[in-house]
Amino acid sequence: QVQLVQSGGGLVQPGGSLRLSCAVSGRGFSNNAMAWFRQTLGKERDIVAAVSRSGSSTFYANSVKGRFTISRDNAKNTVYLQMNSLKPEDTAVYYCAGGPIFPASGIETYKYWGQGTQVTVSS
């Protein structure tokens, strides 16, 4: 059984940085594309970034291009989201996800989900 356990997040001032991590246990990490989504209260869960199985290809939502970086370490079964130049509108619960298709922005294409972690950008 594949499990995703997230860490990182918290409260940061505008312009600051945070790094989210998602450790994957179970078989098949390197067989899955990985992604980060975010969700605010009353809104849909939207994709933030995705990375291919090998890590050689990435996808970013327009709202985070140039500020966020997704990466993965297949030796450590971990995917990361480095978030720089954070803005108040980045405040959300962030979820990591794994699935067979890259790039894929729909939540229905992802089989595995982390527990979610709150990121709050506020002064």
N, C-alpha and C. Protein backbone atom coordinates (compact mmCIF):
# COMPACT_ATOMS: atom_id res chain seq x y z
N GLN A 1 0.84 -1.19 0.00
CA GLN A 1 0.00 0.00 0.00
C GLN A 1 0.88 1.24 0.00
N VAL A 2 0.54 2.18 -0.83
CA VAL A 2 1.31 3.42 -0.94
C VAL A 2 0.75 4.47 0.02
N GLN A 3 1.64 5.06 0.80
CA GLN A 3 1.25 6.13 1.71
C GLN A 3 2.12 7.35 1.47
N LEU A 4 1.48 8.52 1.54
CA LEU A 4 2.18 9.79 1.36
C LEU A 4 2.08 10.58 2.66
N VAL A 5 3.23 10.95 3.20
CA VAL A 5 3.27 11.70 4.45
C VAL A 5 3.96 13.03 4.21
N GLN A 6 3.22 14.10 4.44
CA GLN A 6 3.72 15.44 4.18
C GLN A 6 4.35 16.06 5.42
N SER A 7 5.30 16.95 5.18
CA SER A 7 5.88 17.75 6.24
C SER A 7 6.23 19.12 5.69
N GLY A 8 6.47 20.05 6.60
CA GLY A 8 6.73 21.42 6.19
C GLY A 8 5.47 22.25 6.34
N GLY A 9 5.47 23.41 5.78
CA GLY A 9 4.32 24.30 5.89
C GLY A 9 4.42 25.16 7.13
N GLY A 10 3.36 25.93 7.35
CA GLY A 10 3.32 26.82 8.51
C GLY A 10 3.02 28.24 8.11
N LEU A 11 3.43 29.16 8.97
CA LEU A 11 3.16 30.59 8.79
C LEU A 11 4.44 31.29 8.32
N VAL A 12 4.30 32.09 7.29
CA VAL A 12 5.45 32.83 6.75
C VAL A 12 4.98 34.21 6.32
N GLN A 13 5.87 35.19 6.37
CA GLN A 13 5.53 36.54 5.93
C GLN A 13 5.57 36.63 4.42
N PRO A 14 4.83 37.56 3.86
CA PRO A 14 4.91 37.77 2.40
C PRO A 14 6.35 38.00 1.96
N GLY A 15 6.72 37.38 0.85
CA GLY A 15 8.09 37.45 0.36
C GLY A 15 8.99 36.36 0.89
N GLY A 16 8.50 35.62 1.86
CA GLY A 16 9.31 34.57 2.46
C GLY A 16 9.28 33.28 1.67
N SER A 17 9.93 32.26 2.25
CA SER A 17 10.05 30.96 1.58
C SER A 17 9.66 29.83 2.53
N LEU A 18 9.19 28.75 1.94
CA LEU A 18 8.92 27.52 2.65
C LEU A 18 9.23 26.35 1.73
N ARG A 19 9.53 25.21 2.34
CA ARG A 19 9.69 23.99 1.56
C ARG A 19 8.79 22.92 2.13
N LEU A 20 7.99 22.34 1.26
CA LEU A 20 7.16 21.20 1.61
C LEU A 20 7.83 19.91 1.15
N SER A 21 7.67 18.87 1.96
CA SER A 21 8.19 17.55 1.60
C SER A 21 7.05 16.54 1.65
N CYS A 22 7.20 15.52 0.83
CA CYS A 22 6.20 14.44 0.79
C CYS A 22 6.96 13.13 0.66
N ALA A 23 6.99 12.36 1.73
CA ALA A 23 7.68 11.08 1.75
C ALA A 23 6.71 9.98 1.39
N VAL A 24 7.11 9.14 0.45
CA VAL A 24 6.23 8.09 -0.06
C VAL A 24 6.74 6.72 0.39
N SER A 25 5.89 5.97 1.03
CA SER A 25 6.24 4.61 1.42
C SER A 25 5.45 3.62 0.58
N GLY A 26 5.97 2.41 0.50
CA GLY A 26 5.32 1.42 -0.34
C GLY A 26 5.98 1.37 -1.71
N ARG A 27 5.53 0.46 -2.51
CA ARG A 27 6.14 0.26 -3.81
C ARG A 27 5.70 1.28 -4.85
N GLY A 28 6.60 1.52 -5.79
CA GLY A 28 6.16 2.21 -6.99
C GLY A 28 6.32 3.71 -7.02
N PHE A 29 7.11 4.26 -6.10
CA PHE A 29 7.27 5.72 -6.14
C PHE A 29 7.77 6.18 -7.49
N SER A 30 8.82 5.52 -7.99
CA SER A 30 9.42 5.97 -9.24
C SER A 30 8.53 5.67 -10.44
N ASN A 31 7.47 4.90 -10.26
CA ASN A 31 6.54 4.62 -11.34
C ASN A 31 5.42 5.64 -11.44
N ASN A 32 5.39 6.58 -10.52
CA ASN A 32 4.31 7.55 -10.47
C ASN A 32 4.81 8.96 -10.73
N ALA A 33 4.06 9.68 -11.54
CA ALA A 33 4.24 11.12 -11.57
C ALA A 33 3.74 11.67 -10.23
N MET A 34 4.33 12.77 -9.81
CA MET A 34 3.96 13.36 -8.53
C MET A 34 3.54 14.81 -8.75
N ALA A 35 2.70 15.29 -7.86
CA ALA A 35 2.21 16.66 -8.01
C ALA A 35 1.88 17.25 -6.65
N TRP A 36 1.76 18.55 -6.65
CA TRP A 36 1.26 19.30 -5.51
C TRP A 36 0.00 20.05 -5.95
N PHE A 37 -1.01 19.96 -5.10
CA PHE A 37 -2.26 20.69 -5.28
C PHE A 37 -2.45 21.61 -4.08
N ARG A 38 -3.35 22.55 -4.22
CA ARG A 38 -3.73 23.37 -3.07
C ARG A 38 -5.22 23.67 -3.12
N GLN A 39 -5.74 23.94 -1.92
CA GLN A 39 -7.18 24.15 -1.80
C GLN A 39 -7.45 25.16 -0.70
N THR A 40 -8.33 26.11 -0.99
CA THR A 40 -8.81 27.02 0.03
C THR A 40 -10.27 26.72 0.32
N LEU A 41 -10.77 27.21 1.44
CA LEU A 41 -12.10 26.87 1.90
C LEU A 41 -13.15 27.25 0.86
N GLY A 42 -13.97 26.29 0.50
CA GLY A 42 -15.05 26.53 -0.43
C GLY A 42 -14.68 26.51 -1.89
N LYS A 43 -13.41 26.24 -2.16
CA LYS A 43 -12.96 26.22 -3.55
C LYS A 43 -12.46 24.84 -3.93
N GLU A 44 -12.29 24.65 -5.23
CA GLU A 44 -11.80 23.37 -5.73
C GLU A 44 -10.31 23.21 -5.44
N ARG A 45 -9.87 21.96 -5.47
CA ARG A 45 -8.46 21.66 -5.31
C ARG A 45 -7.78 21.82 -6.67
N ASP A 46 -6.83 22.72 -6.72
CA ASP A 46 -6.17 23.06 -7.99
C ASP A 46 -4.72 22.62 -8.00
N ILE A 47 -4.26 22.25 -9.17
CA ILE A 47 -2.87 21.84 -9.28
C ILE A 47 -1.94 23.04 -9.16
N VAL A 48 -0.83 22.81 -8.51
CA VAL A 48 0.21 23.83 -8.36
C VAL A 48 1.40 23.49 -9.26
N ALA A 49 1.85 22.22 -9.16
CA ALA A 49 3.01 21.78 -9.93
C ALA A 49 2.99 20.27 -10.04
N ALA A 50 3.68 19.77 -11.06
CA ALA A 50 3.80 18.32 -11.25
C ALA A 50 5.18 18.00 -11.77
N VAL A 51 5.63 16.78 -11.51
CA VAL A 51 6.94 16.33 -11.98
C VAL A 51 6.80 14.92 -12.52
N SER A 52 7.52 14.65 -13.59
CA SER A 52 7.44 13.35 -14.24
C SER A 52 8.13 12.28 -13.39
N ARG A 53 8.01 11.04 -13.81
CA ARG A 53 8.56 9.92 -13.05
C ARG A 53 10.07 10.05 -12.84
N SER A 54 10.75 10.48 -13.86
CA SER A 54 12.21 10.60 -13.76
C SER A 54 12.65 11.90 -13.11
N GLY A 55 11.74 12.86 -13.10
CA GLY A 55 12.10 14.17 -12.58
C GLY A 55 12.61 15.12 -13.65
N SER A 56 12.68 14.65 -14.88
CA SER A 56 13.26 15.47 -15.93
C SER A 56 12.29 16.50 -16.50
N SER A 57 10.98 16.29 -16.28
CA SER A 57 9.98 17.22 -16.80
C SER A 57 9.11 17.73 -15.66
N THR A 58 8.76 19.01 -15.77
CA THR A 58 7.92 19.63 -14.75
C THR A 58 6.81 20.46 -15.39
N PHE A 59 5.79 20.70 -14.60
CA PHE A 59 4.66 21.52 -15.01
C PHE A 59 4.32 22.45 -13.85
N TYR A 60 3.97 23.70 -14.18
CA TYR A 60 3.60 24.66 -13.14
C TYR A 60 2.33 25.41 -13.54
N ALA A 61 1.51 25.67 -12.56
CA ALA A 61 0.40 26.58 -12.77
C ALA A 61 0.95 27.98 -13.02
N ASN A 62 0.26 28.75 -13.83
CA ASN A 62 0.76 30.08 -14.18
C ASN A 62 0.97 30.94 -12.94
N SER A 63 0.15 30.74 -11.94
CA SER A 63 0.21 31.60 -10.75
C SER A 63 1.47 31.40 -9.93
N VAL A 64 2.20 30.30 -10.14
CA VAL A 64 3.39 30.03 -9.33
C VAL A 64 4.66 29.95 -10.16
N LYS A 65 4.55 30.07 -11.47
CA LYS A 65 5.74 29.98 -12.32
C LYS A 65 6.78 31.02 -11.92
N GLY A 66 8.03 30.55 -11.82
CA GLY A 66 9.11 31.45 -11.46
C GLY A 66 9.29 31.63 -9.96
N ARG A 67 8.34 31.15 -9.17
CA ARG A 67 8.43 31.27 -7.71
C ARG A 67 8.53 29.91 -7.02
N PHE A 68 7.85 28.92 -7.54
CA PHE A 68 7.85 27.59 -6.94
C PHE A 68 8.68 26.63 -7.78
N THR A 69 9.28 25.65 -7.12
CA THR A 69 10.04 24.61 -7.80
C THR A 69 9.68 23.25 -7.23
N ILE A 70 9.25 22.36 -8.11
CA ILE A 70 8.97 20.98 -7.70
C ILE A 70 10.16 20.11 -8.07
N SER A 71 10.50 19.18 -7.21
CA SER A 71 11.58 18.25 -7.49
C SER A 71 11.30 16.94 -6.77
N ARG A 72 12.03 15.93 -7.16
CA ARG A 72 11.87 14.63 -6.52
C ARG A 72 13.22 13.95 -6.39
N ASP A 73 13.32 13.12 -5.37
CA ASP A 73 14.51 12.31 -5.14
C ASP A 73 14.04 10.87 -5.11
N ASN A 74 14.23 10.16 -6.19
CA ASN A 74 13.72 8.79 -6.27
C ASN A 74 14.48 7.84 -5.33
N ALA A 75 15.69 8.20 -4.98
CA ALA A 75 16.44 7.37 -4.03
C ALA A 75 15.87 7.49 -2.62
N LYS A 76 15.28 8.63 -2.34
CA LYS A 76 14.70 8.87 -1.01
C LYS A 76 13.18 8.76 -1.02
N ASN A 77 12.59 8.46 -2.17
CA ASN A 77 11.13 8.36 -2.27
C ASN A 77 10.44 9.61 -1.75
N THR A 78 10.95 10.75 -2.14
CA THR A 78 10.44 12.01 -1.61
C THR A 78 10.28 13.02 -2.74
N VAL A 79 9.21 13.80 -2.65
CA VAL A 79 8.99 14.90 -3.58
C VAL A 79 8.94 16.19 -2.76
N TYR A 80 9.43 17.26 -3.35
CA TYR A 80 9.55 18.54 -2.65
C TYR A 80 8.83 19.64 -3.42
N LEU A 81 8.43 20.66 -2.69
CA LEU A 81 7.93 21.88 -3.30
C LEU A 81 8.61 23.05 -2.59
N GLN A 82 9.54 23.68 -3.29
CA GLN A 82 10.21 24.87 -2.77
C GLN A 82 9.39 26.08 -3.19
N MET A 83 8.95 26.84 -2.22
CA MET A 83 8.09 27.99 -2.48
C MET A 83 8.81 29.26 -2.06
N ASN A 84 9.10 30.12 -3.02
CA ASN A 84 9.77 31.39 -2.77
C ASN A 84 8.85 32.56 -3.12
N SER A 85 9.21 33.72 -2.63
CA SER A 85 8.44 34.94 -2.91
C SER A 85 6.95 34.72 -2.65
N LEU A 86 6.67 34.17 -1.52
CA LEU A 86 5.29 33.81 -1.21
C LEU A 86 4.40 35.04 -1.07
N LYS A 87 3.16 34.86 -1.51
CA LYS A 87 2.16 35.92 -1.47
C LYS A 87 0.98 35.49 -0.60
N PRO A 88 0.23 36.43 -0.08
CA PRO A 88 -0.96 36.05 0.71
C PRO A 88 -1.91 35.13 -0.05
N GLU A 89 -2.00 35.31 -1.35
CA GLU A 89 -2.90 34.45 -2.14
C GLU A 89 -2.39 33.02 -2.29
N ASP A 90 -1.18 32.74 -1.82
CA ASP A 90 -0.69 31.36 -1.78
C ASP A 90 -1.19 30.61 -0.55
N THR A 91 -1.85 31.31 0.34
CA THR A 91 -2.39 30.67 1.54
C THR A 91 -3.41 29.61 1.16
N ALA A 92 -3.19 28.38 1.64
CA ALA A 92 -4.06 27.26 1.29
C ALA A 92 -3.58 26.03 2.05
N VAL A 93 -4.37 24.98 1.95
CA VAL A 93 -3.91 23.65 2.35
C VAL A 93 -3.30 23.00 1.11
N TYR A 94 -2.08 22.54 1.27
CA TYR A 94 -1.34 21.94 0.16
C TYR A 94 -1.34 20.42 0.30
N TYR A 95 -1.56 19.75 -0.83
CA TYR A 95 -1.60 18.29 -0.86
C TYR A 95 -0.60 17.76 -1.89
N CYS A 96 0.13 16.73 -1.53
CA CYS A 96 0.90 16.03 -2.54
C CYS A 96 0.07 14.86 -3.06
N ALA A 97 0.37 14.46 -4.29
CA ALA A 97 -0.41 13.42 -4.93
C ALA A 97 0.46 12.65 -5.90
N GLY A 98 0.11 11.39 -6.12
CA GLY A 98 0.83 10.54 -7.06
C GLY A 98 -0.13 9.84 -8.00
N GLY A 99 0.28 9.71 -9.26
CA GLY A 99 -0.57 9.06 -10.24
C GLY A 99 0.21 8.66 -11.46
N PRO A 100 -0.44 7.96 -12.37
CA PRO A 100 0.27 7.36 -13.51
C PRO A 100 0.52 8.28 -14.70
N ILE A 101 -0.10 9.46 -14.72
CA ILE A 101 -0.07 10.29 -15.93
C ILE A 101 0.65 11.60 -15.65
N PHE A 102 1.52 11.99 -16.60
CA PHE A 102 2.16 13.30 -16.56
C PHE A 102 2.11 13.93 -17.95
N PRO A 103 1.79 15.22 -18.07
CA PRO A 103 1.25 16.03 -16.97
C PRO A 103 -0.25 15.84 -16.83
N ALA A 104 -0.75 15.95 -15.63
CA ALA A 104 -2.19 15.79 -15.39
C ALA A 104 -2.60 16.78 -14.33
N SER A 105 -3.61 17.58 -14.63
CA SER A 105 -4.06 18.60 -13.70
C SER A 105 -5.34 18.24 -12.98
N GLY A 106 -6.00 17.18 -13.40
CA GLY A 106 -7.25 16.81 -12.77
C GLY A 106 -7.05 15.91 -11.57
N ILE A 107 -7.77 16.17 -10.50
CA ILE A 107 -7.57 15.38 -9.29
C ILE A 107 -7.96 13.92 -9.51
N GLU A 108 -8.82 13.67 -10.48
CA GLU A 108 -9.29 12.30 -10.71
C GLU A 108 -8.20 11.40 -11.27
N THR A 109 -7.14 11.98 -11.77
CA THR A 109 -6.05 11.18 -12.35
C THR A 109 -5.02 10.74 -11.32
N TYR A 110 -5.17 11.20 -10.10
CA TYR A 110 -4.20 10.86 -9.06
C TYR A 110 -4.78 9.84 -8.10
N LYS A 111 -4.01 8.80 -7.87
CA LYS A 111 -4.48 7.67 -7.06
C LYS A 111 -4.15 7.85 -5.58
N TYR A 112 -3.06 8.52 -5.30
CA TYR A 112 -2.56 8.59 -3.93
C TYR A 112 -2.48 10.04 -3.48
N TRP A 113 -2.82 10.26 -2.20
CA TRP A 113 -2.87 11.62 -1.66
C TRP A 113 -2.24 11.69 -0.28
N GLY A 114 -1.54 12.80 -0.05
CA GLY A 114 -1.05 13.08 1.28
C GLY A 114 -2.15 13.65 2.16
N GLN A 115 -1.80 13.90 3.41
CA GLN A 115 -2.81 14.31 4.40
C GLN A 115 -3.12 15.79 4.36
N GLY A 116 -2.32 16.56 3.64
CA GLY A 116 -2.54 18.00 3.56
C GLY A 116 -1.76 18.74 4.63
N THR A 117 -1.28 19.92 4.27
CA THR A 117 -0.58 20.75 5.23
C THR A 117 -0.91 22.21 4.98
N GLN A 118 -1.12 22.96 6.04
CA GLN A 118 -1.52 24.35 5.93
C GLN A 118 -0.31 25.24 5.66
N VAL A 119 -0.45 26.10 4.69
CA VAL A 119 0.52 27.16 4.43
C VAL A 119 -0.23 28.49 4.55
N THR A 120 0.26 29.35 5.43
CA THR A 120 -0.36 30.66 5.63
C THR A 120 0.67 31.73 5.40
N VAL A 121 0.35 32.63 4.49
CA VAL A 121 1.24 33.74 4.16
C VAL A 121 0.58 35.02 4.66
N SER A 122 1.16 35.59 5.70
CA SER A 122 0.53 36.75 6.33
C SER A 122 1.57 37.52 7.13
N SER A 123 1.38 38.84 7.19
CA SER A 123 2.26 39.66 8.00
C SER A 123 1.66 39.87 9.39
